[in-house]
PDB file of N, CA and C in Angstrom:
ATOM      1  N   MET A   1     100.034 118.686  93.313  1.00  0.00           N
ATOM      2  CA  MET A   1     101.042 119.429  92.839  1.00  0.00           C
ATOM      3  C   MET A   1     102.224 118.680  93.681  1.00  0.00           C
ATOM      4  N   ALA A   2     102.253 118.527  95.082  1.00  0.00           N
ATOM      5  CA  ALA A   2     103.174 118.134  95.782  1.00  0.00           C
ATOM      6  C   ALA A   2     103.434 116.577  95.355  1.00  0.00           C
ATOM      7  N   SER A   3     102.386 115.917  95.331  1.00  0.00           N
ATOM      8  CA  SER A   3     102.550 114.348  94.637  1.00  0.00           C
ATOM      9  C   SER A   3     103.498 114.291  93.402  1.00  0.00           C
ATOM     10  N   ARG A   4     103.224 115.148  92.393  1.00  0.00           N
ATOM     11  CA  ARG A   4     103.803 115.062  91.395  1.00  0.00           C
ATOM     12  C   ARG A   4     105.295 115.491  91.442  1.00  0.00           C
ATOM     13  N   ILE A   5     105.781 116.318  92.361  1.00  0.00           N
ATOM     14  CA  ILE A   5     107.125 116.822  92.576  1.00  0.00           C
ATOM     15  C   ILE A   5     107.946 115.449  93.535  1.00  0.00           C
ATOM     16  N   LEU A   6     107.163 115.004  94.206  1.00  0.00           N
ATOM     17  CA  LEU A   6     107.388 113.757  95.169  1.00  0.00           C
ATOM     18  C   LEU A   6     107.899 112.761  94.067  1.00  0.00           C
ATOM     19  N   ILE A   7     107.124 112.390  93.119  1.00  0.00           N
ATOM     20  CA  ILE A   7     106.971 111.267  92.143  1.00  0.00           C
ATOM     21  C   ILE A   7     108.285 111.640  91.341  1.00  0.00           C
ATOM     22  N   ALA A   8     108.279 112.913  90.576  1.00  0.00           N
ATOM     23  CA  ALA A   8     109.568 113.181  90.022  1.00  0.00           C
ATOM     24  C   ALA A   8     110.794 113.120  90.814  1.00  0.00           C
ATOM     25  N   ALA A   9     110.923 113.538  91.825  1.00  0.00           N
ATOM     26  CA  ALA A   9     112.044 113.275  92.740  1.00  0.00           C
ATOM     27  C   ALA A   9     112.451 111.914  92.863  1.00  0.00           C
ATOM     28  N   THR A  10     111.315 111.281  93.158  1.00  0.00           N
ATOM     29  CA  THR A  10     111.752 109.609  93.563  1.00  0.00           C
ATOM     30  C   THR A  10     112.184 108.969  92.225  1.00  0.00           C
ATOM     31  N   LEU A  11     111.778 109.456  91.043  1.00  0.00           N
ATOM     32  CA  LEU A  11     112.008 108.452  89.889  1.00  0.00           C
ATOM     33  C   LEU A  11     113.425 109.085  89.562  1.00  0.00           C
ATOM     34  N   ALA A  12     113.783 110.468  89.631  1.00  0.00           N
ATOM     35  CA  ALA A  12     115.164 110.969  89.346  1.00  0.00           C
ATOM     36  C   ALA A  12     116.199 110.265  90.232  1.00  0.00           C
ATOM     37  N   ALA A  13     115.876 110.290  91.722  1.00  0.00           N
ATOM     38  CA  ALA A  13     116.702 109.286  92.627  1.00  0.00           C
ATOM     39  C   ALA A  13     117.028 107.998  92.169  1.00  0.00           C
ATOM     40  N   ALA A  14     115.952 107.486  91.662  1.00  0.00           N
ATOM     41  CA  ALA A  14     115.923 105.870  91.279  1.00  0.00           C
ATOM     42  C   ALA A  14     116.746 105.744  90.197  1.00  0.00           C
ATOM     43  N   SER A  15     116.952 106.582  89.428  1.00  0.00           N
ATOM     44  CA  SER A  15     117.606 106.581  87.912  1.00  0.00           C
ATOM     45  C   SER A  15     119.239 107.150  88.070  1.00  0.00           C
ATOM     46  N   ALA A  16     119.387 107.655  88.932  1.00  0.00           N
ATOM     47  CA  ALA A  16     120.635 108.382  89.054  1.00  0.00           C
ATOM     48  C   ALA A  16     121.896 107.334  89.268  1.00  0.00           C
ATOM     49  N   THR A  17     123.108 107.405  88.322  1.00  0.00           N
ATOM     50  CA  THR A  17     123.941 106.707  88.430  1.00  0.00           C
ATOM     51  C   THR A  17     124.998 106.570  89.372  1.00  0.00           C
ATOM     52  N   THR A  18     125.021 105.832  90.393  1.00  0.00           N
ATOM     53  CA  THR A  18     125.950 105.785  91.505  1.00  0.00           C
ATOM     54  C   THR A  18     126.165 104.160  91.536  1.00  0.00           C
ATOM     55  N   PRO A  19     127.104 104.065  92.559  1.00  0.00           N
ATOM     56  CA  PRO A  19     127.563 102.674  92.776  1.00  0.00           C
ATOM     57  C   PRO A  19     126.495 101.943  93.540  1.00  0.00           C
ATOM     58  N   ALA A  20     126.251 100.725  93.248  1.00  0.00           N
ATOM     59  CA  ALA A  20     125.205  99.992  93.938  1.00  0.00           C
ATOM     60  C   ALA A  20     125.689  99.600  95.251  1.00  0.00           C
ATOM     61  N   PHE A  21     125.049  99.707  96.381  1.00  0.00           N
ATOM     62  CA  PHE A  21     125.358  99.312  97.654  1.00  0.00           C
ATOM     63  C   PHE A  21     124.215  98.777  98.393  1.00  0.00           C
ATOM     64  N   ALA A  22     123.171  98.236  97.825  1.00  0.00           N
ATOM     65  CA  ALA A  22     121.902  97.630  98.162  1.00  0.00           C
ATOM     66  C   ALA A  22     122.079  95.983  97.954  1.00  0.00           C
ATOM     67  N   GLY A  23     121.421  95.149  98.631  1.00  0.00           N
ATOM     68  CA  GLY A  23     121.506  93.785  98.348  1.00  0.00           C
ATOM     69  C   GLY A  23     120.434  93.422  97.383  1.00  0.00           C
ATOM     70  N   GLU A  24     119.253  94.389  97.598  1.00  0.00           N
ATOM     71  CA  GLU A  24     118.139  94.411  96.433  1.00  0.00           C
ATOM     72  C   GLU A  24     117.678  95.574  96.211  1.00  0.00           C
ATOM     73  N   ALA A  25     117.056  96.051  95.234  1.00  0.00           N
ATOM     74  CA  ALA A  25     116.318  97.147  95.103  1.00  0.00           C
ATOM     75  C   ALA A  25     115.081  96.808  94.213  1.00  0.00           C
ATOM     76  N   PHE A  26     114.175  97.752  94.402  1.00  0.00           N
ATOM     77  CA  PHE A  26     112.710  97.155  93.907  1.00  0.00           C
ATOM     78  C   PHE A  26     111.925  98.392  93.476  1.00  0.00           C
ATOM     79  N   VAL A  27     111.151  98.521  92.431  1.00  0.00           N
ATOM     80  CA  VAL A  27     109.978  99.368  92.268  1.00  0.00           C
ATOM     81  C   VAL A  27     108.815  98.694  91.822  1.00  0.00           C
ATOM     82  N   GLY A  28     107.697  99.273  92.019  1.00  0.00           N
ATOM     83  CA  GLY A  28     106.587  98.296  91.730  1.00  0.00           C
ATOM     84  C   GLY A  28     105.122  99.494  91.845  1.00  0.00           C
ATOM     85  N   ALA A  29     104.113  98.711  91.194  1.00  0.00           N
ATOM     86  CA  ALA A  29     103.015  99.756  91.294  1.00  0.00           C
ATOM     87  C   ALA A  29     101.715  98.754  91.892  1.00  0.00           C
ATOM     88  N   TYR A  30     100.900  99.516  92.664  1.00  0.00           N
ATOM     89  CA  TYR A  30      99.642  98.536  92.964  1.00  0.00           C
ATOM     90  C   TYR A  30      98.576  99.418  93.513  1.00  0.00           C
ATOM     91  N   ILE A  31      97.346  98.951  93.517  1.00  0.00           N
ATOM     92  CA  ILE A  31      96.190  99.798  94.052  1.00  0.00           C
ATOM     93  C   ILE A  31      95.871  99.043  95.103  1.00  0.00           C
ATOM     94  N   HIS A  32      95.056  99.776  96.242  1.00  0.00           N
ATOM     95  CA  HIS A  32      94.938  99.302  97.518  1.00  0.00           C
ATOM     96  C   HIS A  32      93.825  99.845  98.085  1.00  0.00           C
ATOM     97  N   ASP A  33      93.245  99.328  99.159  1.00  0.00           N
ATOM     98  CA  ASP A  33      91.928 100.125  99.712  1.00  0.00           C
ATOM     99  C   ASP A  33      90.803 100.189  98.613  1.00  0.00           C
ATOM    100  N   VAL A  34      90.478  98.995  98.098  1.00  0.00           N
ATOM    101  CA  VAL A  34      89.566  99.181  97.235  1.00  0.00           C
ATOM    102  C   VAL A  34      87.903  98.596  97.535  1.00  0.00           C
ATOM    103  N   ASP A  35      87.139  98.923  97.164  1.00  0.00           N
ATOM    104  CA  ASP A  35      85.769  98.474  97.721  1.00  0.00           C
ATOM    105  C   ASP A  35      85.532  97.114  97.009  1.00  0.00           C
ATOM    106  N   ASP A  36      85.735  96.148  98.145  1.00  0.00           N
ATOM    107  CA  ASP A  36      85.692  94.801  97.756  1.00  0.00           C
ATOM    108  C   ASP A  36      84.385  94.068  98.149  1.00  0.00           C
ATOM    109  N   GLY A  37      83.343  94.890  98.590  1.00  0.00           N
ATOM    110  CA  GLY A  37      81.918  94.586  98.913  1.00  0.00           C
ATOM    111  C   GLY A  37      81.839  94.240 100.387  1.00  0.00           C
ATOM    112  N   ILE A  38      83.050  93.926 100.966  1.00  0.00           N
ATOM    113  CA  ILE A  38      82.853  93.523 102.500  1.00  0.00           C
ATOM    114  C   ILE A  38      83.713  94.492 103.407  1.00  0.00           C
ATOM    115  N   SER A  39      84.257  95.459 102.922  1.00  0.00           N
ATOM    116  CA  SER A  39      85.048  96.529 103.660  1.00  0.00           C
ATOM    117  C   SER A  39      84.112  97.656 103.622  1.00  0.00           C
ATOM    118  N   TYR A  40      84.403  98.633 104.782  1.00  0.00           N
ATOM    119  CA  TYR A  40      83.656  99.848 104.824  1.00  0.00           C
ATOM    120  C   TYR A  40      84.559 101.033 105.116  1.00  0.00           C
ATOM    121  N   GLY A  41      84.103 102.144 104.656  1.00  0.00           N
ATOM    122  CA  GLY A  41      85.167 103.300 105.258  1.00  0.00           C
ATOM    123  C   GLY A  41      85.416 104.150 103.892  1.00  0.00           C
ATOM    124  N   LYS A  42      86.336 104.684 104.147  1.00  0.00           N
ATOM    125  CA  LYS A  42      86.841 105.451 102.889  1.00  0.00           C
ATOM    126  C   LYS A  42      87.741 104.888 102.096  1.00  0.00           C
ATOM    127  N   PHE A  43      87.552 104.928 100.733  1.00  0.00           N
ATOM    128  CA  PHE A  43      88.195 104.183  99.622  1.00  0.00           C
ATOM    129  C   PHE A  43      88.982 105.210  99.088  1.00  0.00           C
ATOM    130  N   GLU A  44      90.418 104.935  98.866  1.00  0.00           N
ATOM    131  CA  GLU A  44      91.281 105.527  98.161  1.00  0.00           C
ATOM    132  C   GLU A  44      91.188 105.375  96.531  1.00  0.00           C
ATOM    133  N   THR A  45      91.498 106.321  95.920  1.00  0.00           N
ATOM    134  CA  THR A  45      91.609 106.266  94.362  1.00  0.00           C
ATOM    135  C   THR A  45      93.231 106.303  94.194  1.00  0.00           C
ATOM    136  N   GLY A  46      93.446 106.121  92.778  1.00  0.00           N
ATOM    137  CA  GLY A  46      94.888 106.252  92.528  1.00  0.00           C
ATOM    138  C   GLY A  46      95.710 105.019  92.540  1.00  0.00           C
ATOM    139  N   THR A  47      96.938 104.947  92.036  1.00  0.00           N
ATOM    140  CA  THR A  47      97.968 103.765  92.158  1.00  0.00           C
ATOM    141  C   THR A  47      99.027 104.341  92.995  1.00  0.00           C
ATOM    142  N   ARG A  48      99.579 103.539  93.631  1.00  0.00           N
ATOM    143  CA  ARG A  48     100.714 103.490  94.670  1.00  0.00           C
ATOM    144  C   ARG A  48     101.957 103.378  93.867  1.00  0.00           C
ATOM    145  N   ILE A  49     102.949 104.009  93.787  1.00  0.00           N
ATOM    146  CA  ILE A  49     104.220 103.704  93.005  1.00  0.00           C
ATOM    147  C   ILE A  49     104.942 103.599  94.251  1.00  0.00           C
ATOM    148  N   VAL A  50     105.840 102.394  94.440  1.00  0.00           N
ATOM    149  CA  VAL A  50     106.550 102.073  95.439  1.00  0.00           C
ATOM    150  C   VAL A  50     108.163 101.988  94.892  1.00  0.00           C
ATOM    151  N   ILE A  51     109.143 102.364  95.645  1.00  0.00           N
ATOM    152  CA  ILE A  51     110.524 102.345  95.237  1.00  0.00           C
ATOM    153  C   ILE A  51     111.102 101.903  96.607  1.00  0.00           C
ATOM    154  N   GLY A  52     112.174 100.950  96.627  1.00  0.00           N
ATOM    155  CA  GLY A  52     112.996 100.721  97.802  1.00  0.00           C
ATOM    156  C   GLY A  52     114.183  99.895  97.458  1.00  0.00           C
ATOM    157  N   ALA A  53     114.842  99.803  98.772  1.00  0.00           N
ATOM    158  CA  ALA A  53     116.051  99.065  98.758  1.00  0.00           C
ATOM    159  C   ALA A  53     116.502  98.364  99.911  1.00  0.00           C
ATOM    160  N   GLY A  54     117.202  97.207  99.964  1.00  0.00           N
ATOM    161  CA  GLY A  54     117.371  96.605 101.109  1.00  0.00           C
ATOM    162  C   GLY A  54     118.910  96.092 101.196  1.00  0.00           C
ATOM    163  N   THR A  55     119.591  96.163 102.144  1.00  0.00           N
ATOM    164  CA  THR A  55     120.801  95.702 102.367  1.00  0.00           C
ATOM    165  C   THR A  55     120.828  93.946 102.348  1.00  0.00           C
ATOM    166  N   THR A  56     122.033  93.643 102.061  1.00  0.00           N
ATOM    167  CA  THR A  56     122.269  92.229 102.531  1.00  0.00           C
ATOM    168  C   THR A  56     122.443  92.017 104.191  1.00  0.00           C
ATOM    169  N   ALA A  57     122.502  90.673 104.489  1.00  0.00           N
ATOM    170  CA  ALA A  57     122.415  90.591 106.108  1.00  0.00           C
ATOM    171  C   ALA A  57     123.646  91.159 106.477  1.00  0.00           C
ATOM    172  N   LEU A  58     123.416  92.010 107.647  1.00  0.00           N
ATOM    173  CA  LEU A  58     124.458  92.958 107.998  1.00  0.00           C
ATOM    174  C   LEU A  58     125.364  92.270 109.285  1.00  0.00           C
ATOM    175  N   ASP A  59     126.633  92.138 108.976  1.00  0.00           N
ATOM    176  CA  ASP A  59     127.372  91.581 110.031  1.00  0.00           C
ATOM    177  C   ASP A  59     127.641  92.493 111.126  1.00  0.00           C
ATOM    178  N   GLU A  60     127.671  93.766 111.178  1.00  0.00           N
ATOM    179  CA  GLU A  60     127.661  94.602 112.178  1.00  0.00           C
ATOM    180  C   GLU A  60     126.487  94.372 113.266  1.00  0.00           C
ATOM    181  N   LEU A  61     125.451  93.761 112.665  1.00  0.00           N
ATOM    182  CA  LEU A  61     124.062  93.602 113.518  1.00  0.00           C
ATOM    183  C   LEU A  61     124.251  92.124 114.013  1.00  0.00           C
ATOM    184  N   ALA A  62     125.263  91.405 113.985  1.00  0.00           N
ATOM    185  CA  ALA A  62     125.154  90.134 114.357  1.00  0.00           C
ATOM    186  C   ALA A  62     124.447  90.016 115.679  1.00  0.00           C
ATOM    187  N   PHE A  63     124.638  90.872 116.674  1.00  0.00           N
ATOM    188  CA  PHE A  63     124.145  90.485 118.079  1.00  0.00           C
ATOM    189  C   PHE A  63     122.398  90.866 117.897  1.00  0.00           C
ATOM    190  N   LEU A  64     121.991  91.191 116.718  1.00  0.00           N
ATOM    191  CA  LEU A  64     120.462  91.039 116.324  1.00  0.00           C
ATOM    192  C   LEU A  64     119.989  89.936 115.534  1.00  0.00           C
ATOM    193  N   GLY A  65     120.902  88.946 115.269  1.00  0.00           N
ATOM    194  CA  GLY A  65     121.074  87.813 114.329  1.00  0.00           C
ATOM    195  C   GLY A  65     121.314  88.281 112.562  1.00  0.00           C
ATOM    196  N   LYS A  66     121.758  89.385 112.452  1.00  0.00           N
ATOM    197  CA  LYS A  66     122.354  89.648 111.051  1.00  0.00           C
ATOM    198  C   LYS A  66     121.027  90.274 110.240  1.00  0.00           C
ATOM    199  N   PRO A  67     120.257  91.208 110.624  1.00  0.00           N
ATOM    200  CA  PRO A  67     118.964  91.392 109.752  1.00  0.00           C
ATOM    201  C   PRO A  67     119.476  92.206 108.562  1.00  0.00           C
ATOM    202  N   ARG A  68     118.639  92.395 107.677  1.00  0.00           N
ATOM    203  CA  ARG A  68     118.844  93.234 106.617  1.00  0.00           C
ATOM    204  C   ARG A  68     117.905  94.568 107.044  1.00  0.00           C
ATOM    205  N   VAL A  69     118.505  95.621 106.645  1.00  0.00           N
ATOM    206  CA  VAL A  69     117.831  96.831 106.666  1.00  0.00           C
ATOM    207  C   VAL A  69     117.093  97.328 105.337  1.00  0.00           C
ATOM    208  N   HIS A  70     115.747  97.832 105.340  1.00  0.00           N
ATOM    209  CA  HIS A  70     115.075  98.149 104.201  1.00  0.00           C
ATOM    210  C   HIS A  70     114.409  99.479 104.414  1.00  0.00           C
ATOM    211  N   LEU A  71     114.596 100.191 103.330  1.00  0.00           N
ATOM    212  CA  LEU A  71     113.862 101.706 103.319  1.00  0.00           C
ATOM    213  C   LEU A  71     112.941 101.484 101.906  1.00  0.00           C
ATOM    214  N   LEU A  72     111.836 102.085 102.121  1.00  0.00           N
ATOM    215  CA  LEU A  72     110.960 102.110 100.853  1.00  0.00           C
ATOM    216  C   LEU A  72     109.999 103.507 100.759  1.00  0.00           C
ATOM    217  N   MET A  73     109.552 103.945  99.724  1.00  0.00           N
ATOM    218  CA  MET A  73     108.969 104.954  99.948  1.00  0.00           C
ATOM    219  C   MET A  73     107.819 104.867  98.896  1.00  0.00           C
ATOM    220  N   GLY A  74     106.462 105.186  99.014  1.00  0.00           N
ATOM    221  CA  GLY A  74     105.265 104.982  98.302  1.00  0.00           C
ATOM    222  C   GLY A  74     104.562 106.120  98.006  1.00  0.00           C
ATOM    223  N   VAL A  75     104.322 106.507  96.769  1.00  0.00           N
ATOM    224  CA  VAL A  75     103.714 107.792  96.215  1.00  0.00           C
ATOM    225  C   VAL A  75     102.297 107.409  95.816  1.00  0.00           C
ATOM    226  N   ASN A  76     101.218 108.003  96.213  1.00  0.00           N
ATOM    227  CA  ASN A  76      99.965 107.648  95.482  1.00  0.00           C
ATOM    228  C   ASN A  76      99.799 108.925  94.319  1.00  0.00           C
ATOM    229  N   THR A  77      99.231 108.174  93.136  1.00  0.00           N
ATOM    230  CA  THR A  77      99.030 108.949  92.035  1.00  0.00           C
ATOM    231  C   THR A  77      98.169 110.012  92.057  1.00  0.00           C
ATOM    232  N   ALA A  78      97.031 109.774  92.959  1.00  0.00           N
ATOM    233  CA  ALA A  78      95.755 110.708  93.051  1.00  0.00           C
ATOM    234  C   ALA A  78      96.058 111.440  94.214  1.00  0.00           C
ATOM    235  N   GLY A  79      97.212 111.682  94.774  1.00  0.00           N
ATOM    236  CA  GLY A  79      97.330 112.643  95.933  1.00  0.00           C
ATOM    237  C   GLY A  79      96.881 112.018  97.206  1.00  0.00           C
ATOM    238  N   GLU A  80      96.446 110.831  97.451  1.00  0.00           N
ATOM    239  CA  GLU A  80      96.058 110.118  98.576  1.00  0.00           C
ATOM    240  C   GLU A  80      97.223 109.668  99.434  1.00  0.00           C
ATOM    241  N   THR A  81      96.968 108.539 100.208  1.00  0.00           N
ATOM    242  CA  THR A  81      97.894 108.236 101.135  1.00  0.00           C
ATOM    243  C   THR A  81      99.292 107.852 100.438  1.00  0.00           C
ATOM    244  N   SER A  82     100.336 108.493 100.878  1.00  0.00           N
ATOM    245  CA  SER A  82     101.758 108.266 100.429  1.00  0.00           C
ATOM    246  C   SER A  82     102.527 108.012 101.880  1.00  0.00           C
ATOM    247  N   CYS A  83     103.772 107.292 101.820  1.00  0.00           N
ATOM    248  CA  CYS A  83     104.381 106.933 102.897  1.00  0.00           C
ATOM    249  C   CYS A  83     105.821 106.509 102.607  1.00  0.00           C
ATOM    250  N   ALA A  84     106.579 106.542 103.693  1.00  0.00           N
ATOM    251  CA  ALA A  84     108.024 106.342 103.812  1.00  0.00           C
ATOM    252  C   ALA A  84     108.165 105.224 105.105  1.00  0.00           C
ATOM    253  N   ALA A  85     109.059 104.396 104.791  1.00  0.00           N
ATOM    254  CA  ALA A  85     109.166 103.421 105.931  1.00  0.00           C
ATOM    255  C   ALA A  85     110.487 102.721 105.834  1.00  0.00           C
ATOM    256  N   SER A  86     110.990 102.284 106.960  1.00  0.00           N
ATOM    257  CA  SER A  86     112.147 101.809 107.312  1.00  0.00           C
ATOM    258  C   SER A  86     112.216 100.734 108.455  1.00  0.00           C
ATOM    259  N   GLY A  87     112.983  99.411 108.139  1.00  0.00           N
ATOM    260  CA  GLY A  87     112.956  98.508 109.340  1.00  0.00           C
ATOM    261  C   GLY A  87     114.135  97.517 108.971  1.00  0.00           C
ATOM    262  N   LEU A  88     113.903  96.509 109.793  1.00  0.00           N
ATOM    263  CA  LEU A  88     114.847  95.331 109.963  1.00  0.00           C
ATOM    264  C   LEU A  88     114.158  94.076 109.428  1.00  0.00           C
ATOM    265  N   GLY A  89     114.713  93.117 108.579  1.00  0.00           N
ATOM    266  CA  GLY A  89     114.231  91.743 108.265  1.00  0.00           C
ATOM    267  C   GLY A  89     115.335  91.043 108.374  1.00  0.00           C
ATOM    268  N   TRP A  90     114.714  89.726 108.818  1.00  0.00           N
ATOM    269  CA  TRP A  90     115.320  88.494 108.981  1.00  0.00           C
ATOM    270  C   TRP A  90     114.857  87.401 107.943  1.00  0.00           C
ATOM    271  N   ARG A  91     115.681  86.988 107.159  1.00  0.00           N
ATOM    272  CA  ARG A  91     115.478  86.027 106.043  1.00  0.00           C
ATOM    273  C   ARG A  91     115.962  84.755 106.381  1.00  0.00           C
ATOM    274  N   PHE A  92     114.924  83.704 106.108  1.00  0.00           N
ATOM    275  CA  PHE A  92     115.339  82.155 106.472  1.00  0.00           C
ATOM    276  C   PHE A  92     115.171  81.495 105.160  1.00  0.00           C
ATOM    277  N   ASN A  93     116.076  81.012 104.832  1.00  0.00           N
ATOM    278  CA  ASN A  93     116.241  80.114 103.490  1.00  0.00           C
ATOM    279  C   ASN A  93     115.660  78.541 103.802  1.00  0.00           C
ATOM    280  N   LEU A  94     114.690  78.514 102.801  1.00  0.00           N
ATOM    281  CA  LEU A  94     113.950  77.035 103.082  1.00  0.00           C
ATOM    282  C   LEU A  94     114.908  76.196 102.110  1.00  0.00           C
ATOM    283  N   ASN A  95     115.171  76.677 100.821  1.00  0.00           N
ATOM    284  CA  ASN A  95     115.970  75.700  99.977  1.00  0.00           C
ATOM    285  C   ASN A  95     116.735  76.924  99.303  1.00  0.00           C
ATOM    286  N   GLU A  96     117.220  76.278  97.976  1.00  0.00           N
ATOM    287  CA  GLU A  96     117.923  77.519  97.005  1.00  0.00           C
ATOM    288  C   GLU A  96     116.940  78.251  96.492  1.00  0.00           C
ATOM    289  N   ARG A  97     115.645  78.015  96.282  1.00  0.00           N
ATOM    290  CA  ARG A  97     114.626  78.776  95.535  1.00  0.00           C
ATOM    291  C   ARG A  97     113.690  79.635  96.487  1.00  0.00           C
ATOM    292  N   PHE A  98     113.370  79.359  97.653  1.00  0.00           N
ATOM    293  CA  PHE A  98     112.670  79.877  98.487  1.00  0.00           C
ATOM    294  C   PHE A  98     112.870  80.219  99.733  1.00  0.00           C
ATOM    295  N   TYR A  99     112.374  81.297 100.517  1.00  0.00           N
ATOM    296  CA  TYR A  99     112.685  81.629 101.902  1.00  0.00           C
ATOM    297  C   TYR A  99     111.704  82.385 102.122  1.00  0.00           C
ATOM    298  N   ILE A 100     111.518  82.657 103.968  1.00  0.00           N
ATOM    299  CA  ILE A 100     110.347  83.341 104.581  1.00  0.00           C
ATOM    300  C   ILE A 100     111.294  84.439 105.070  1.00  0.00           C
ATOM    301  N   GLN A 101     110.570  85.403 105.143  1.00  0.00           N
ATOM    302  CA  GLN A 101     111.222  86.905 105.698  1.00  0.00           C
ATOM    303  C   GLN A 101     110.316  87.436 106.510  1.00  0.00           C
ATOM    304  N   THR A 102     110.698  87.769 107.952  1.00  0.00           N
ATOM    305  CA  THR A 102     109.864  88.406 108.960  1.00  0.00           C
ATOM    306  C   THR A 102     110.644  89.822 109.352  1.00  0.00           C
ATOM    307  N   GLY A 103     109.990  90.656 109.605  1.00  0.00           N
ATOM    308  CA  GLY A 103     110.773  92.058 110.070  1.00  0.00           C
ATOM    309  C   GLY A 103     109.637  92.804 110.891  1.00  0.00           C
ATOM    310  N   VAL A 104     110.279  93.929 111.107  1.00  0.00           N
ATOM    311  CA  VAL A 104     109.749  95.002 112.087  1.00  0.00           C
ATOM    312  C   VAL A 104     110.300  96.385 111.572  1.00  0.00           C
ATOM    313  N   GLY A 105     109.393  97.128 111.664  1.00  0.00           N
ATOM    314  CA  GLY A 105     109.831  98.816 111.127  1.00  0.00           C
ATOM    315  C   GLY A 105     108.690  99.555 111.436  1.00  0.00           C
ATOM    316  N   ILE A 106     108.945 100.913 110.959  1.00  0.00           N
ATOM    317  CA  ILE A 106     108.249 101.949 111.077  1.00  0.00           C
ATOM    318  C   ILE A 106     107.798 102.605 110.009  1.00  0.00           C
ATOM    319  N   THR A 107     106.678 103.068 109.841  1.00  0.00           N
ATOM    320  CA  THR A 107     106.144 103.899 108.650  1.00  0.00           C
ATOM    321  C   THR A 107     105.725 105.259 109.227  1.00  0.00           C
ATOM    322  N   ILE A 108     105.737 106.219 108.276  1.00  0.00           N
ATOM    323  CA  ILE A 108     105.026 107.610 108.467  1.00  0.00           C
ATOM    324  C   ILE A 108     104.347 107.863 107.297  1.00  0.00           C
ATOM    325  N   HIS A 109     103.027 108.247 107.417  1.00  0.00           N
ATOM    326  CA  HIS A 109     102.161 108.351 106.139  1.00  0.00           C
ATOM    327  C   HIS A 109     101.157 109.618 106.391  1.00  0.00           C
ATOM    328  N   ASN A 110     100.711 110.029 105.468  1.00  0.00           N
ATOM    329  CA  ASN A 110      99.786 111.146 105.456  1.00  0.00           C
ATOM    330  C   ASN A 110      98.266 110.760 105.211  1.00  0.00           C
ATOM    331  N   GLY A 111      98.000 109.253 105.485  1.00  0.00           N
ATOM    332  CA  GLY A 111      96.592 108.785 105.325  1.00  0.00           C
ATOM    333  C   GLY A 111      95.668 108.968 106.934  1.00  0.00           C
ATOM    334  N   TRP A 112      94.532 108.527 106.600  1.00  0.00           N
ATOM    335  CA  TRP A 112      93.493 108.785 107.746  1.00  0.00           C
ATOM    336  C   TRP A 112      93.861 107.794 108.725  1.00  0.00           C
ATOM    337  N   VAL A 113      93.918 108.359 110.148  1.00  0.00           N
ATOM    338  CA  VAL A 113      93.968 107.364 111.367  1.00  0.00           C
ATOM    339  C   VAL A 113      92.687 107.184 112.189  1.00  0.00           C
ATOM    340  N   ASN A 114      91.913 108.038 111.864  1.00  0.00           N
ATOM    341  CA  ASN A 114      90.811 108.091 112.954  1.00  0.00           C
ATOM    342  C   ASN A 114      89.416 106.891 112.371  1.00  0.00           C
ATOM    343  N   LEU A 115      89.572 105.943 111.674  1.00  0.00           N
ATOM    344  CA  LEU A 115      88.546 105.510 111.225  1.00  0.00           C
ATOM    345  C   LEU A 115      88.084 104.546 112.154  1.00  0.00           C
ATOM    346  N   PRO A 116      86.813 104.093 112.017  1.00  0.00           N
ATOM    347  CA  PRO A 116      86.211 103.102 113.081  1.00  0.00           C
ATOM    348  C   PRO A 116      86.665 101.687 113.094  1.00  0.00           C
ATOM    349  N   SER A 117      86.658 101.235 114.303  1.00  0.00           N
ATOM    350  CA  SER A 117      87.293 100.016 114.555  1.00  0.00           C
ATOM    351  C   SER A 117      86.252  98.777 113.795  1.00  0.00           C
ATOM    352  N   PRO A 118      86.951  97.881 113.098  1.00  0.00           N
ATOM    353  CA  PRO A 118      85.994  96.887 112.426  1.00  0.00           C
ATOM    354  C   PRO A 118      85.368  96.039 113.566  1.00  0.00           C
TER     355      PRO A 118
END
C-alpha cells in the first residue's frame, strides 16, 4: 500500500506543471537482482520505476570542478527495495555525441543489508 502511494506521489510530482530548472530529467523502468544462474541470495520481484533530475554544470561549485547535481527516486512495484539518491557528477565530453561521466553520491534504501559476502 505504501509503495502505491509513493508511486502515485512520484508520478504526480513528475507531471506537475512548473518551470524547468534541471539540465536533464529522466524516467525509466527496469528489473534487477534476477536469478542469472551464477548469483545467489535473495532475488527480488517487481519492476523498479525511476524518476530523476540533474542540473547543468554549476558555476557555484567551480572549486569542485563544476559538477552537476543529481537527484533520483526508485520505487519497486512489488514493494521490495525502493530508494532515493543524490550526488555530484562530472561530465567529460569526448566529442559532440559522446561523453563520460563519473560521480559520487549517497543512497538511502529499504533493502537487505546483511547478505553474505561473495
